Amino acid sequence: MSETKSIVQTLYTSLEEAVEELHRRRRKDEALCRTVAEFQRTHPPEFLDGEPRAMFARYVVTPGVEFTRLQAMCRRSGLRPLALKFLDDKFVARNRDKHMLGMLRFRSGNGSRKLRTVNFCRFEGKKLSKVQCLSGQSLPDFHHRLLEHAHPGALGDVVDFSAWFRASTRHDHYYLHWLSLFVTQGILFENFFLDDPEERRFMEERIWPSFTRALELFGVKPLIVRLFTPEEENTPICWQYPGELYPVARDLLNGSSKTEVLSRQHPQLEARDTGRYGQGIFAASDIKAGTFIHTLGGARISLDEFVARVRRGDERLDDALQIGKKTYLDLDEFSRLFNHSCAPSAGLRQANELFALRDIRPGEEITFDYSATVAPTVWRMECRCGSPQCRRVLGDIRSIPKAQLDQYRKAGALQRYMQALLPDILSGSYQIPAYERRALEKLEG
């Protein structure tokens, strides 16, 4: 018992102390930052963008009570969340976190209401990415839609780190690579339930040896903050959902809710006439470089649906934003007002999150480079941005000058799907997929 108490006292740091220590290390301990970077050199966490983050890892990110706690702690700490999902793992019902994904429990008075989402026997042992709900939809997609309803824009801070974590298992003490992320790059928000025999064994065999090794290697401990208090640990609240989400989840399971990505934005934005090319979005106050500006919102549609809308005359080719190989956002009216510039003040990260590439002054228009969002295709558009760097004709990402594209990469101003395609694009080996060629032929026809 005394050993457990000692582990807990060493393992966790209070939120206030962790935030203060993280900023101190980043500002004043250059040697520590170099040591961490050198350790990670052979296995870099490419999902990090250089900004200190409040990190949270689950097999599938879902809006349980714990995610609401994370959001509240992010507001207190001033850190942006980064929720890491691990879809490569297998669905095993005896694991409490995975069981929670298939049998949702919603807080209701002194008890809870249940909603089963999957056939446990059918998908036992299958990859989480392959598990389907009773309605036939993907289980991760169901939870992501529920998350977007409960916390609009939150999906912009969700990253699949399966490939990175799988690769880390090739190294000795592979949980050391995981814990190294919380030395100078962020804070882990987590609870380890040491009263549970299986979790205690996991702690003793995996986490604690790597934690003590990190302490020896870096001279400071990884920063881990509790999501739940000691009194709440191992109580139902740790695996419950807010009660108000029950009807939403039920409707999503029945397929009757819209697949809509809702906008969220910086409070100091205003829409007005540009005097040159219609409406635009302008800063109403100073916006510092790196600051979140806006989550571009709209309906998720497939490539085929996008093509059908263009052919009907319901959309223009530049009305939708590509966020995946076959997925687009039919942008809402406000999101469509962000204009292009060949010398933009903002960039896109994650899938659809605009952030400031540089300091933006009050009254300055907020723009981004449309070409950075377009994979190789035949799309072309006349440019009238008026900047000294104006390219006159916009094309896909290949039309961006190399030096400028390198700047976008270093700033983290490329969407996730584009980052995955970029090596093939730059090497010249990228081929327009057959399904996209067929879609383009329909447009030309």
Protein backbone atom coordinates (compact mmCIF):
# COMPACT_ATOMS: atom_id res chain seq x y z
CA MET A 1 0.00 0.00 0.00
CA SER A 2 2.82 2.40 0.87
CA GLU A 3 4.54 1.51 -2.42
CA THR A 4 1.37 2.38 -4.36
CA LYS A 5 1.08 5.69 -2.52
CA SER A 6 4.70 6.49 -3.35
CA ILE A 7 4.14 5.72 -7.05
CA VAL A 8 1.07 7.96 -7.17
CA GLN A 9 2.85 10.83 -5.44
CA THR A 10 5.69 10.63 -7.95
CA LEU A 11 3.61 9.94 -11.03
CA TYR A 12 1.15 12.82 -10.97
CA THR A 13 1.67 16.58 -10.99
CA SER A 14 -1.04 19.14 -10.22
CA LEU A 15 -2.41 21.08 -13.18
CA GLU A 16 -1.03 24.43 -12.03
CA GLU A 17 2.43 23.03 -11.31
CA ALA A 18 2.53 21.10 -14.59
CA VAL A 19 1.65 24.16 -16.70
CA GLU A 20 4.21 26.33 -14.92
CA GLU A 21 6.90 23.64 -15.22
CA LEU A 22 6.17 23.00 -18.91
CA HIS A 23 6.58 26.68 -19.80
CA ARG A 24 9.72 26.94 -17.65
CA ARG A 25 11.35 23.99 -19.41
CA ARG A 26 10.47 25.32 -22.87
CA ARG A 27 11.62 28.88 -22.15
CA LYS A 28 14.70 28.36 -19.99
CA ASP A 29 16.05 24.83 -20.40
CA GLU A 30 17.47 24.70 -23.93
CA ALA A 31 19.73 21.77 -23.02
CA LEU A 32 16.70 19.69 -21.96
CA CYS A 33 14.84 20.57 -25.17
CA ARG A 34 17.89 19.46 -27.20
CA THR A 35 18.14 16.21 -25.23
CA VAL A 36 14.50 15.39 -25.92
CA ALA A 37 14.85 16.27 -29.61
CA GLU A 38 17.94 14.09 -29.94
CA PHE A 39 16.20 11.17 -28.21
CA GLN A 40 13.23 11.50 -30.60
CA ARG A 41 15.40 11.98 -33.70
CA THR A 42 15.08 8.37 -34.91
CA HIS A 43 11.35 8.24 -34.15
CA PRO A 44 9.98 11.82 -34.38
CA PRO A 45 6.38 12.53 -33.29
CA GLU A 46 5.30 14.11 -36.57
CA PHE A 47 1.76 14.63 -35.30
CA LEU A 48 3.03 17.43 -33.02
CA ASP A 49 3.16 20.94 -34.49
CA GLY A 50 5.65 22.60 -32.12
CA GLU A 51 2.93 24.10 -29.91
CA PRO A 52 2.70 22.76 -26.33
CA ARG A 53 -0.43 20.65 -26.08
CA ALA A 54 -2.74 19.08 -23.52
CA MET A 55 -2.64 15.46 -24.69
CA PHE A 56 -5.15 12.72 -24.16
CA ALA A 57 -4.99 9.23 -25.72
CA ARG A 58 -7.80 6.76 -26.29
CA TYR A 59 -8.53 3.96 -28.73
CA VAL A 60 -11.38 6.05 -30.15
CA VAL A 61 -11.95 9.64 -29.06
CA THR A 62 -15.48 10.01 -27.75
CA PRO A 63 -17.31 12.71 -25.73
CA GLY A 64 -17.50 10.94 -22.39
CA VAL A 65 -17.36 12.80 -19.09
CA GLU A 66 -13.56 12.48 -19.20
CA PHE A 67 -13.41 14.46 -22.46
CA THR A 68 -15.53 17.21 -20.89
CA ARG A 69 -13.01 17.28 -18.02
CA LEU A 70 -10.17 17.57 -20.53
CA GLN A 71 -11.83 20.56 -22.21
CA ALA A 72 -12.32 22.28 -18.86
CA MET A 73 -8.68 21.74 -17.90
CA CYS A 74 -7.56 23.09 -21.27
CA ARG A 75 -9.48 26.28 -20.62
CA ARG A 76 -7.84 26.58 -17.17
CA SER A 77 -4.35 25.88 -18.49
CA GLY A 78 -4.51 27.85 -21.73
CA LEU A 79 -3.27 24.77 -23.65
CA ARG A 80 -4.89 23.49 -26.83
CA PRO A 81 -6.02 19.87 -26.62
CA LEU A 82 -4.60 17.11 -28.79
CA ALA A 83 -6.64 13.93 -28.63
CA LEU A 84 -4.76 10.89 -29.95
CA LYS A 85 -6.66 7.88 -31.22
CA PHE A 86 -5.33 4.36 -31.79
CA LEU A 87 -7.58 2.70 -34.35
CA ASP A 88 -5.07 -0.07 -35.16
CA ASP A 89 -5.79 -1.85 -31.89
CA LYS A 90 -8.27 -4.69 -31.58
CA PHE A 91 -11.76 -4.55 -30.15
CA VAL A 92 -11.73 -6.62 -26.95
CA ALA A 93 -14.85 -6.42 -24.81
CA ARG A 94 -13.15 -7.26 -21.51
CA ASN A 95 -11.15 -4.04 -21.78
CA ARG A 96 -13.22 -1.41 -19.97
CA ASP A 97 -12.31 1.46 -22.29
CA LYS A 98 -13.23 -0.58 -25.37
CA HIS A 99 -16.38 -1.97 -23.79
CA MET A 100 -17.47 1.63 -23.14
CA LEU A 101 -17.38 2.27 -26.90
CA GLY A 102 -19.86 -0.54 -27.54
CA MET A 103 -22.11 -0.06 -24.50
CA LEU A 104 -22.59 3.63 -23.76
CA ARG A 105 -23.74 4.64 -20.28
CA PHE A 106 -25.34 8.06 -19.88
CA ARG A 107 -25.64 9.78 -16.52
CA SER A 108 -29.26 9.90 -15.37
CA GLY A 109 -30.11 11.01 -11.84
CA ASN A 110 -28.39 8.63 -9.44
CA GLY A 111 -27.97 5.97 -12.11
CA SER A 112 -27.38 5.66 -15.83
CA ARG A 113 -29.09 4.80 -19.12
CA LYS A 114 -27.48 2.31 -21.50
CA LEU A 115 -27.24 2.30 -25.28
CA ARG A 116 -25.62 -0.65 -27.04
CA THR A 117 -23.95 0.26 -30.31
CA VAL A 118 -22.29 -2.98 -31.51
CA ASN A 119 -22.62 -6.75 -31.67
CA PHE A 120 -19.78 -7.67 -29.30
CA CYS A 121 -19.47 -11.29 -30.41
CA ARG A 122 -19.31 -10.43 -34.10
CA PHE A 123 -16.46 -7.95 -33.80
CA GLU A 124 -14.45 -9.41 -30.92
CA GLY A 125 -10.78 -9.35 -31.91
CA LYS A 126 -11.32 -7.23 -35.02
CA LYS A 127 -9.45 -3.96 -35.61
CA LEU A 128 -11.32 -1.01 -34.18
CA SER A 129 -11.23 0.67 -37.58
CA LYS A 130 -13.24 -2.29 -38.97
CA VAL A 131 -15.89 -2.46 -36.24
CA GLN A 132 -19.41 -1.49 -37.31
CA CYS A 133 -22.36 -0.28 -35.28
CA LEU A 134 -25.66 -2.13 -35.23
CA SER A 135 -26.83 0.36 -37.85
CA GLY A 136 -23.96 -0.56 -40.19
CA GLN A 137 -21.95 2.64 -39.79
CA SER A 138 -18.33 2.61 -38.65
CA LEU A 139 -17.98 2.61 -34.85
CA PRO A 140 -15.18 5.26 -34.89
CA ASP A 141 -17.27 7.45 -37.23
CA PHE A 142 -20.26 7.17 -34.89
CA HIS A 143 -18.18 8.34 -31.93
CA HIS A 144 -16.56 11.13 -33.93
CA ARG A 145 -19.96 12.44 -35.03
CA LEU A 146 -21.13 12.33 -31.42
CA LEU A 147 -17.96 14.17 -30.40
CA GLU A 148 -18.52 16.86 -33.03
CA HIS A 149 -22.07 17.38 -31.79
CA ALA A 150 -21.02 17.67 -28.16
CA HIS A 151 -17.87 19.74 -28.81
CA PRO A 152 -18.08 21.49 -32.22
CA GLY A 153 -14.68 21.73 -33.84
CA ALA A 154 -13.09 19.14 -31.54
CA LEU A 155 -12.34 16.78 -34.43
CA GLY A 156 -9.79 19.32 -35.63
CA ASP A 157 -7.73 18.37 -32.57
CA VAL A 158 -7.99 14.59 -33.06
CA VAL A 159 -5.08 12.71 -34.64
CA ASP A 160 -4.61 8.99 -35.34
CA PHE A 161 -1.18 8.13 -33.95
CA SER A 162 -1.44 4.38 -34.61
CA ALA A 163 1.45 4.28 -37.07
CA TRP A 164 3.77 6.21 -34.75
CA PHE A 165 2.94 4.09 -31.73
CA ARG A 166 3.24 0.83 -33.67
CA ALA A 167 6.66 1.92 -34.92
CA SER A 168 7.74 2.78 -31.38
CA THR A 169 7.24 -0.84 -30.32
CA ARG A 170 10.36 -1.72 -32.36
CA HIS A 171 12.43 0.17 -29.78
CA ASP A 172 13.47 -0.97 -26.31
CA HIS A 173 11.40 0.62 -23.55
CA TYR A 174 8.90 1.75 -26.16
CA TYR A 175 6.69 3.43 -23.55
CA LEU A 176 9.70 5.66 -22.90
CA HIS A 177 9.14 7.17 -26.37
CA TRP A 178 5.52 7.80 -25.41
CA LEU A 179 6.44 9.42 -22.10
CA SER A 180 9.14 11.55 -23.72
CA LEU A 181 6.33 13.59 -25.31
CA PHE A 182 5.44 14.94 -21.88
CA VAL A 183 8.85 16.29 -20.92
CA THR A 184 8.89 19.49 -22.99
CA GLN A 185 6.15 19.12 -25.62
CA GLY A 186 2.99 18.84 -23.59
CA ILE A 187 1.12 17.41 -20.64
CA LEU A 188 -0.59 14.03 -20.50
CA PHE A 189 -4.06 14.04 -18.94
CA GLU A 190 -4.73 10.55 -17.64
CA ASN A 191 -5.72 8.35 -14.71
CA PHE A 192 -4.10 5.02 -13.90
CA PHE A 193 -6.51 2.89 -11.90
CA LEU A 194 -4.12 1.05 -9.59
CA ASP A 195 -6.96 -0.66 -7.68
CA ASP A 196 -7.72 -2.66 -10.82
CA PRO A 197 -5.45 -5.78 -11.01
CA GLU A 198 -4.99 -5.63 -14.80
CA GLU A 199 -4.23 -1.91 -14.83
CA ARG A 200 -1.90 -2.26 -11.86
CA ARG A 201 0.05 -4.95 -13.71
CA PHE A 202 0.23 -2.71 -16.78
CA MET A 203 1.55 0.11 -14.61
CA GLU A 204 4.16 -2.08 -12.87
CA GLU A 205 5.41 -3.80 -16.04
CA ARG A 206 5.20 -1.01 -18.64
CA ILE A 207 4.51 2.51 -17.42
CA TRP A 208 6.46 2.73 -14.16
CA PRO A 209 9.78 1.31 -15.51
CA SER A 210 9.56 3.71 -18.48
CA PHE A 211 8.65 6.60 -16.20
CA THR A 212 11.66 6.03 -13.95
CA ARG A 213 13.88 5.57 -17.02
CA ALA A 214 12.65 8.93 -18.36
CA LEU A 215 13.47 10.53 -15.02
CA GLU A 216 17.02 9.16 -15.26
CA LEU A 217 17.48 10.08 -18.92
CA PHE A 218 16.06 13.62 -18.88
CA GLY A 219 16.61 14.57 -15.25
CA VAL A 220 12.96 15.60 -14.87
CA LYS A 221 9.79 13.59 -14.81
CA PRO A 222 7.13 13.45 -17.55
CA LEU A 223 4.20 15.75 -16.75
CA ILE A 224 1.01 13.78 -16.04
CA VAL A 225 -2.14 15.38 -14.62
CA ARG A 226 -5.14 13.50 -13.26
CA LEU A 227 -8.46 13.89 -15.07
CA PHE A 228 -10.42 12.45 -12.15
CA THR A 229 -9.80 12.96 -8.45
CA PRO A 230 -8.65 9.99 -6.29
CA GLU A 231 -12.18 9.77 -4.88
CA GLU A 232 -13.67 9.46 -8.39
CA GLU A 233 -11.25 6.81 -9.65
CA ASN A 234 -12.90 3.47 -10.41
CA THR A 235 -16.39 4.94 -9.99
CA PRO A 236 -18.94 4.84 -12.85
CA ILE A 237 -18.36 8.51 -13.78
CA CYS A 238 -15.03 7.56 -15.37
CA TRP A 239 -16.84 5.61 -18.12
CA GLN A 240 -20.05 7.61 -18.44
CA TYR A 241 -21.36 10.17 -20.91
CA PRO A 242 -23.27 13.38 -20.12
CA GLY A 243 -26.97 12.54 -19.90
CA GLU A 244 -28.01 15.14 -22.48
CA LEU A 245 -26.15 13.20 -25.19
CA TYR A 246 -28.43 10.16 -24.93
CA PRO A 247 -31.06 11.31 -27.52
CA VAL A 248 -28.29 12.54 -29.82
CA ALA A 249 -26.47 9.20 -29.69
CA ARG A 250 -29.74 7.30 -30.21
CA ASP A 251 -30.55 9.40 -33.31
CA LEU A 252 -27.03 9.03 -34.69
CA LEU A 253 -27.24 5.28 -34.21
CA ASN A 254 -30.51 5.29 -36.16
CA GLY A 255 -28.88 7.34 -38.90
CA SER A 256 -31.29 10.27 -38.54
CA SER A 257 -28.83 13.05 -37.64
CA LYS A 258 -27.00 15.21 -40.14
CA THR A 259 -23.31 14.66 -40.77
CA GLU A 260 -22.51 18.28 -40.15
CA VAL A 261 -19.25 19.87 -39.04
CA LEU A 262 -20.10 22.94 -37.01
CA SER A 263 -18.10 26.14 -37.13
CA ARG A 264 -16.29 27.57 -34.15
CA GLN A 265 -14.32 30.77 -34.42
CA HIS A 266 -12.10 33.36 -32.84
CA PRO A 267 -14.38 35.94 -31.19
CA GLN A 268 -12.79 38.89 -33.00
CA LEU A 269 -13.71 38.25 -36.63
CA GLU A 270 -15.97 40.32 -38.83
CA ALA A 271 -17.37 39.84 -42.34
CA ARG A 272 -17.42 42.86 -44.66
CA ASP A 273 -16.89 43.92 -48.25
CA THR A 274 -13.31 43.76 -49.52
CA GLY A 275 -13.81 46.49 -52.10
CA ARG A 276 -12.23 44.22 -54.73
CA TYR A 277 -13.85 40.78 -54.86
CA GLY A 278 -16.95 40.68 -52.70
CA GLN A 279 -17.06 39.79 -49.04
CA GLY A 280 -14.16 38.68 -46.87
CA ILE A 281 -13.30 37.99 -43.23
CA PHE A 282 -11.27 40.57 -41.31
CA ALA A 283 -9.58 40.69 -37.92
CA ALA A 284 -11.32 43.03 -35.47
CA SER A 285 -8.37 42.92 -33.05
CA ASP A 286 -4.77 41.72 -32.95
CA ILE A 287 -4.33 38.00 -33.61
CA LYS A 288 -0.92 36.58 -32.69
CA ALA A 289 0.96 34.11 -34.89
CA GLY A 290 -0.09 30.52 -34.18
CA THR A 291 -3.48 31.51 -32.74
CA PHE A 292 -6.55 29.49 -33.67
CA ILE A 293 -8.86 31.53 -35.96
CA HIS A 294 -11.72 29.41 -37.24
CA THR A 295 -12.87 25.84 -37.79
CA LEU A 296 -14.22 25.72 -41.32
CA GLY A 297 -17.65 24.11 -41.08
CA GLY A 298 -20.20 22.52 -43.38
CA ALA A 299 -21.70 19.23 -44.48
CA ARG A 300 -19.39 16.29 -45.09
CA ILE A 301 -19.93 15.02 -48.62
CA SER A 302 -18.29 12.43 -50.86
CA LEU A 303 -16.43 13.21 -54.06
CA ASP A 304 -19.33 11.81 -56.10
CA GLU A 305 -21.83 14.02 -54.26
CA PHE A 306 -19.59 17.05 -54.77
CA VAL A 307 -19.38 16.36 -58.51
CA ALA A 308 -23.17 15.90 -58.69
CA ARG A 309 -23.73 19.26 -56.98
CA VAL A 310 -21.35 21.03 -59.37
CA ARG A 311 -23.02 19.45 -62.41
CA ARG A 312 -26.45 20.53 -61.14
CA GLY A 313 -25.16 24.08 -60.75
CA ASP A 314 -25.68 23.99 -56.96
CA GLU A 315 -21.95 24.51 -56.30
CA ARG A 316 -18.87 25.98 -57.90
CA LEU A 317 -15.64 23.99 -58.04
CA ASP A 318 -14.10 26.23 -55.35
CA ASP A 319 -17.07 26.07 -52.95
CA ALA A 320 -16.01 22.87 -51.17
CA LEU A 321 -12.92 22.10 -49.11
CA GLN A 322 -11.16 18.77 -49.55
CA ILE A 323 -10.39 17.18 -46.16
CA GLY A 324 -9.59 13.62 -47.24
CA LYS A 325 -8.92 11.52 -50.32
CA LYS A 326 -12.65 11.18 -51.05
CA THR A 327 -14.15 13.55 -48.49
CA TYR A 328 -15.11 17.20 -48.85
CA LEU A 329 -16.79 19.87 -46.74
CA ASP A 330 -19.61 21.74 -48.44
CA LEU A 331 -18.66 24.91 -46.58
CA ASP A 332 -21.19 26.92 -44.62
CA GLU A 333 -21.81 30.52 -45.61
CA PHE A 334 -19.40 32.09 -43.10
CA SER A 335 -16.59 29.65 -43.92
CA ARG A 336 -16.93 30.41 -47.65
CA LEU A 337 -16.06 34.05 -46.99
CA PHE A 338 -12.37 33.35 -46.29
CA ASN A 339 -10.64 34.38 -49.51
CA HIS A 340 -7.49 33.09 -51.15
CA SER A 341 -4.17 34.89 -51.16
CA CYS A 342 -0.83 33.85 -52.64
CA ALA A 343 0.70 35.55 -49.57
CA PRO A 344 -1.78 34.37 -46.92
CA SER A 345 -2.11 35.51 -43.34
CA ALA A 346 -3.50 32.13 -42.22
CA GLY A 347 -2.97 28.43 -42.88
CA LEU A 348 -4.91 25.20 -42.44
CA ARG A 349 -3.90 22.49 -39.96
CA GLN A 350 -5.49 19.19 -38.98
CA ALA A 351 -8.40 18.87 -41.43
CA ASN A 352 -10.17 22.21 -41.35
CA GLU A 353 -8.70 24.51 -38.69
CA LEU A 354 -7.48 27.96 -39.70
CA PHE A 355 -4.68 29.49 -37.64
CA ALA A 356 -2.56 32.63 -37.95
CA LEU A 357 0.68 32.13 -39.91
CA ARG A 358 1.93 35.49 -38.64
CA ASP A 359 0.73 38.36 -36.47
CA ILE A 360 -2.45 39.80 -37.97
CA ARG A 361 -3.35 43.43 -37.36
CA PRO A 362 -6.87 44.81 -36.74
CA GLY A 363 -8.61 45.51 -40.03
CA GLU A 364 -6.42 43.06 -41.97
CA GLU A 365 -8.14 40.47 -44.14
CA ILE A 366 -7.69 36.83 -43.12
CA THR A 367 -6.81 34.68 -46.10
CA PHE A 368 -5.36 31.25 -46.82
CA ASP A 369 -3.76 29.59 -49.85
CA TYR A 370 -6.41 27.54 -51.63
CA SER A 371 -3.75 25.62 -53.58
CA ALA A 372 -2.37 24.12 -50.35
CA THR A 373 -5.66 22.20 -49.93
CA VAL A 374 -5.85 20.75 -53.46
CA ALA A 375 -4.17 17.44 -54.32
CA PRO A 376 -2.81 17.04 -57.89
CA THR A 377 -5.65 17.51 -60.36
CA VAL A 378 -6.58 19.60 -63.40
CA TRP A 379 -8.29 22.33 -61.34
CA ARG A 380 -7.38 25.90 -62.30
CA MET A 381 -8.72 29.27 -61.18
CA GLU A 382 -7.84 32.86 -62.01
CA CYS A 383 -6.23 34.69 -59.07
CA ARG A 384 -6.89 38.35 -58.29
CA CYS A 385 -5.49 38.45 -54.77
CA GLY A 386 -3.34 41.48 -55.60
CA SER A 387 -0.35 40.44 -53.49
CA PRO A 388 3.20 40.99 -54.85
CA GLN A 389 3.57 37.18 -54.90
CA CYS A 390 0.35 36.66 -56.90
CA ARG A 391 0.64 33.57 -59.11
CA ARG A 392 -2.09 34.90 -61.47
CA VAL A 393 -3.50 31.38 -61.98
CA LEU A 394 -4.18 29.02 -59.10
CA GLY A 395 -3.58 25.32 -59.49
CA ASP A 396 -3.15 22.39 -57.12
CA ILE A 397 -0.42 22.10 -54.50
CA ARG A 398 2.24 21.61 -57.19
CA SER A 399 1.70 25.22 -58.30
CA ILE A 400 3.05 26.59 -55.00
CA PRO A 401 6.72 27.69 -55.23
CA LYS A 402 9.01 25.24 -53.43
CA ALA A 403 10.32 27.80 -50.90
CA GLN A 404 6.77 28.79 -49.97
CA LEU A 405 5.64 25.17 -49.68
CA ASP A 406 8.60 24.50 -47.37
CA GLN A 407 7.43 27.42 -45.20
CA TYR A 408 3.96 25.89 -44.98
CA ARG A 409 5.41 22.53 -43.99
CA LYS A 410 7.59 24.01 -41.25
CA ALA A 411 4.65 26.04 -39.91
CA GLY A 412 2.38 22.97 -39.83
CA ALA A 413 0.08 24.65 -42.36
CA LEU A 414 -0.88 21.56 -44.35
CA GLN A 415 -3.88 19.33 -43.73
CA ARG A 416 -3.29 15.80 -42.51
CA TYR A 417 -4.41 14.17 -45.74
CA MET A 418 -2.07 16.43 -47.72
CA GLN A 419 0.87 15.65 -45.43
CA ALA A 420 0.34 11.95 -46.16
CA LEU A 421 0.33 12.54 -49.94
CA LEU A 422 3.21 15.02 -50.04
CA PRO A 423 6.19 12.60 -50.29
CA ASP A 424 4.74 11.05 -53.47
CA ILE A 425 3.76 14.48 -54.83
CA LEU A 426 7.25 15.91 -54.33
CA SER A 427 8.94 12.84 -55.80
CA GLY A 428 6.72 13.00 -58.88
CA SER A 429 5.37 9.50 -58.30
CA TYR A 430 1.85 10.61 -57.34
CA GLN A 431 -0.86 9.42 -59.72
CA ILE A 432 -4.37 10.85 -59.78
CA PRO A 433 -6.55 7.97 -58.48
CA ALA A 434 -8.86 6.26 -60.95
CA TYR A 435 -11.98 7.22 -58.99
CA GLU A 436 -10.96 10.88 -59.21
CA ARG A 437 -10.30 10.64 -62.94
CA ARG A 438 -13.79 9.21 -63.44
CA ALA A 439 -15.25 12.07 -61.40
CA LEU A 440 -13.35 14.66 -63.47
CA GLU A 441 -14.58 13.04 -66.66
CA LYS A 442 -18.15 13.54 -65.43
CA LEU A 443 -17.45 17.25 -64.90
CA GLU A 444 -15.94 17.60 -68.35
CA GLY A 445 -18.88 15.76 -69.85
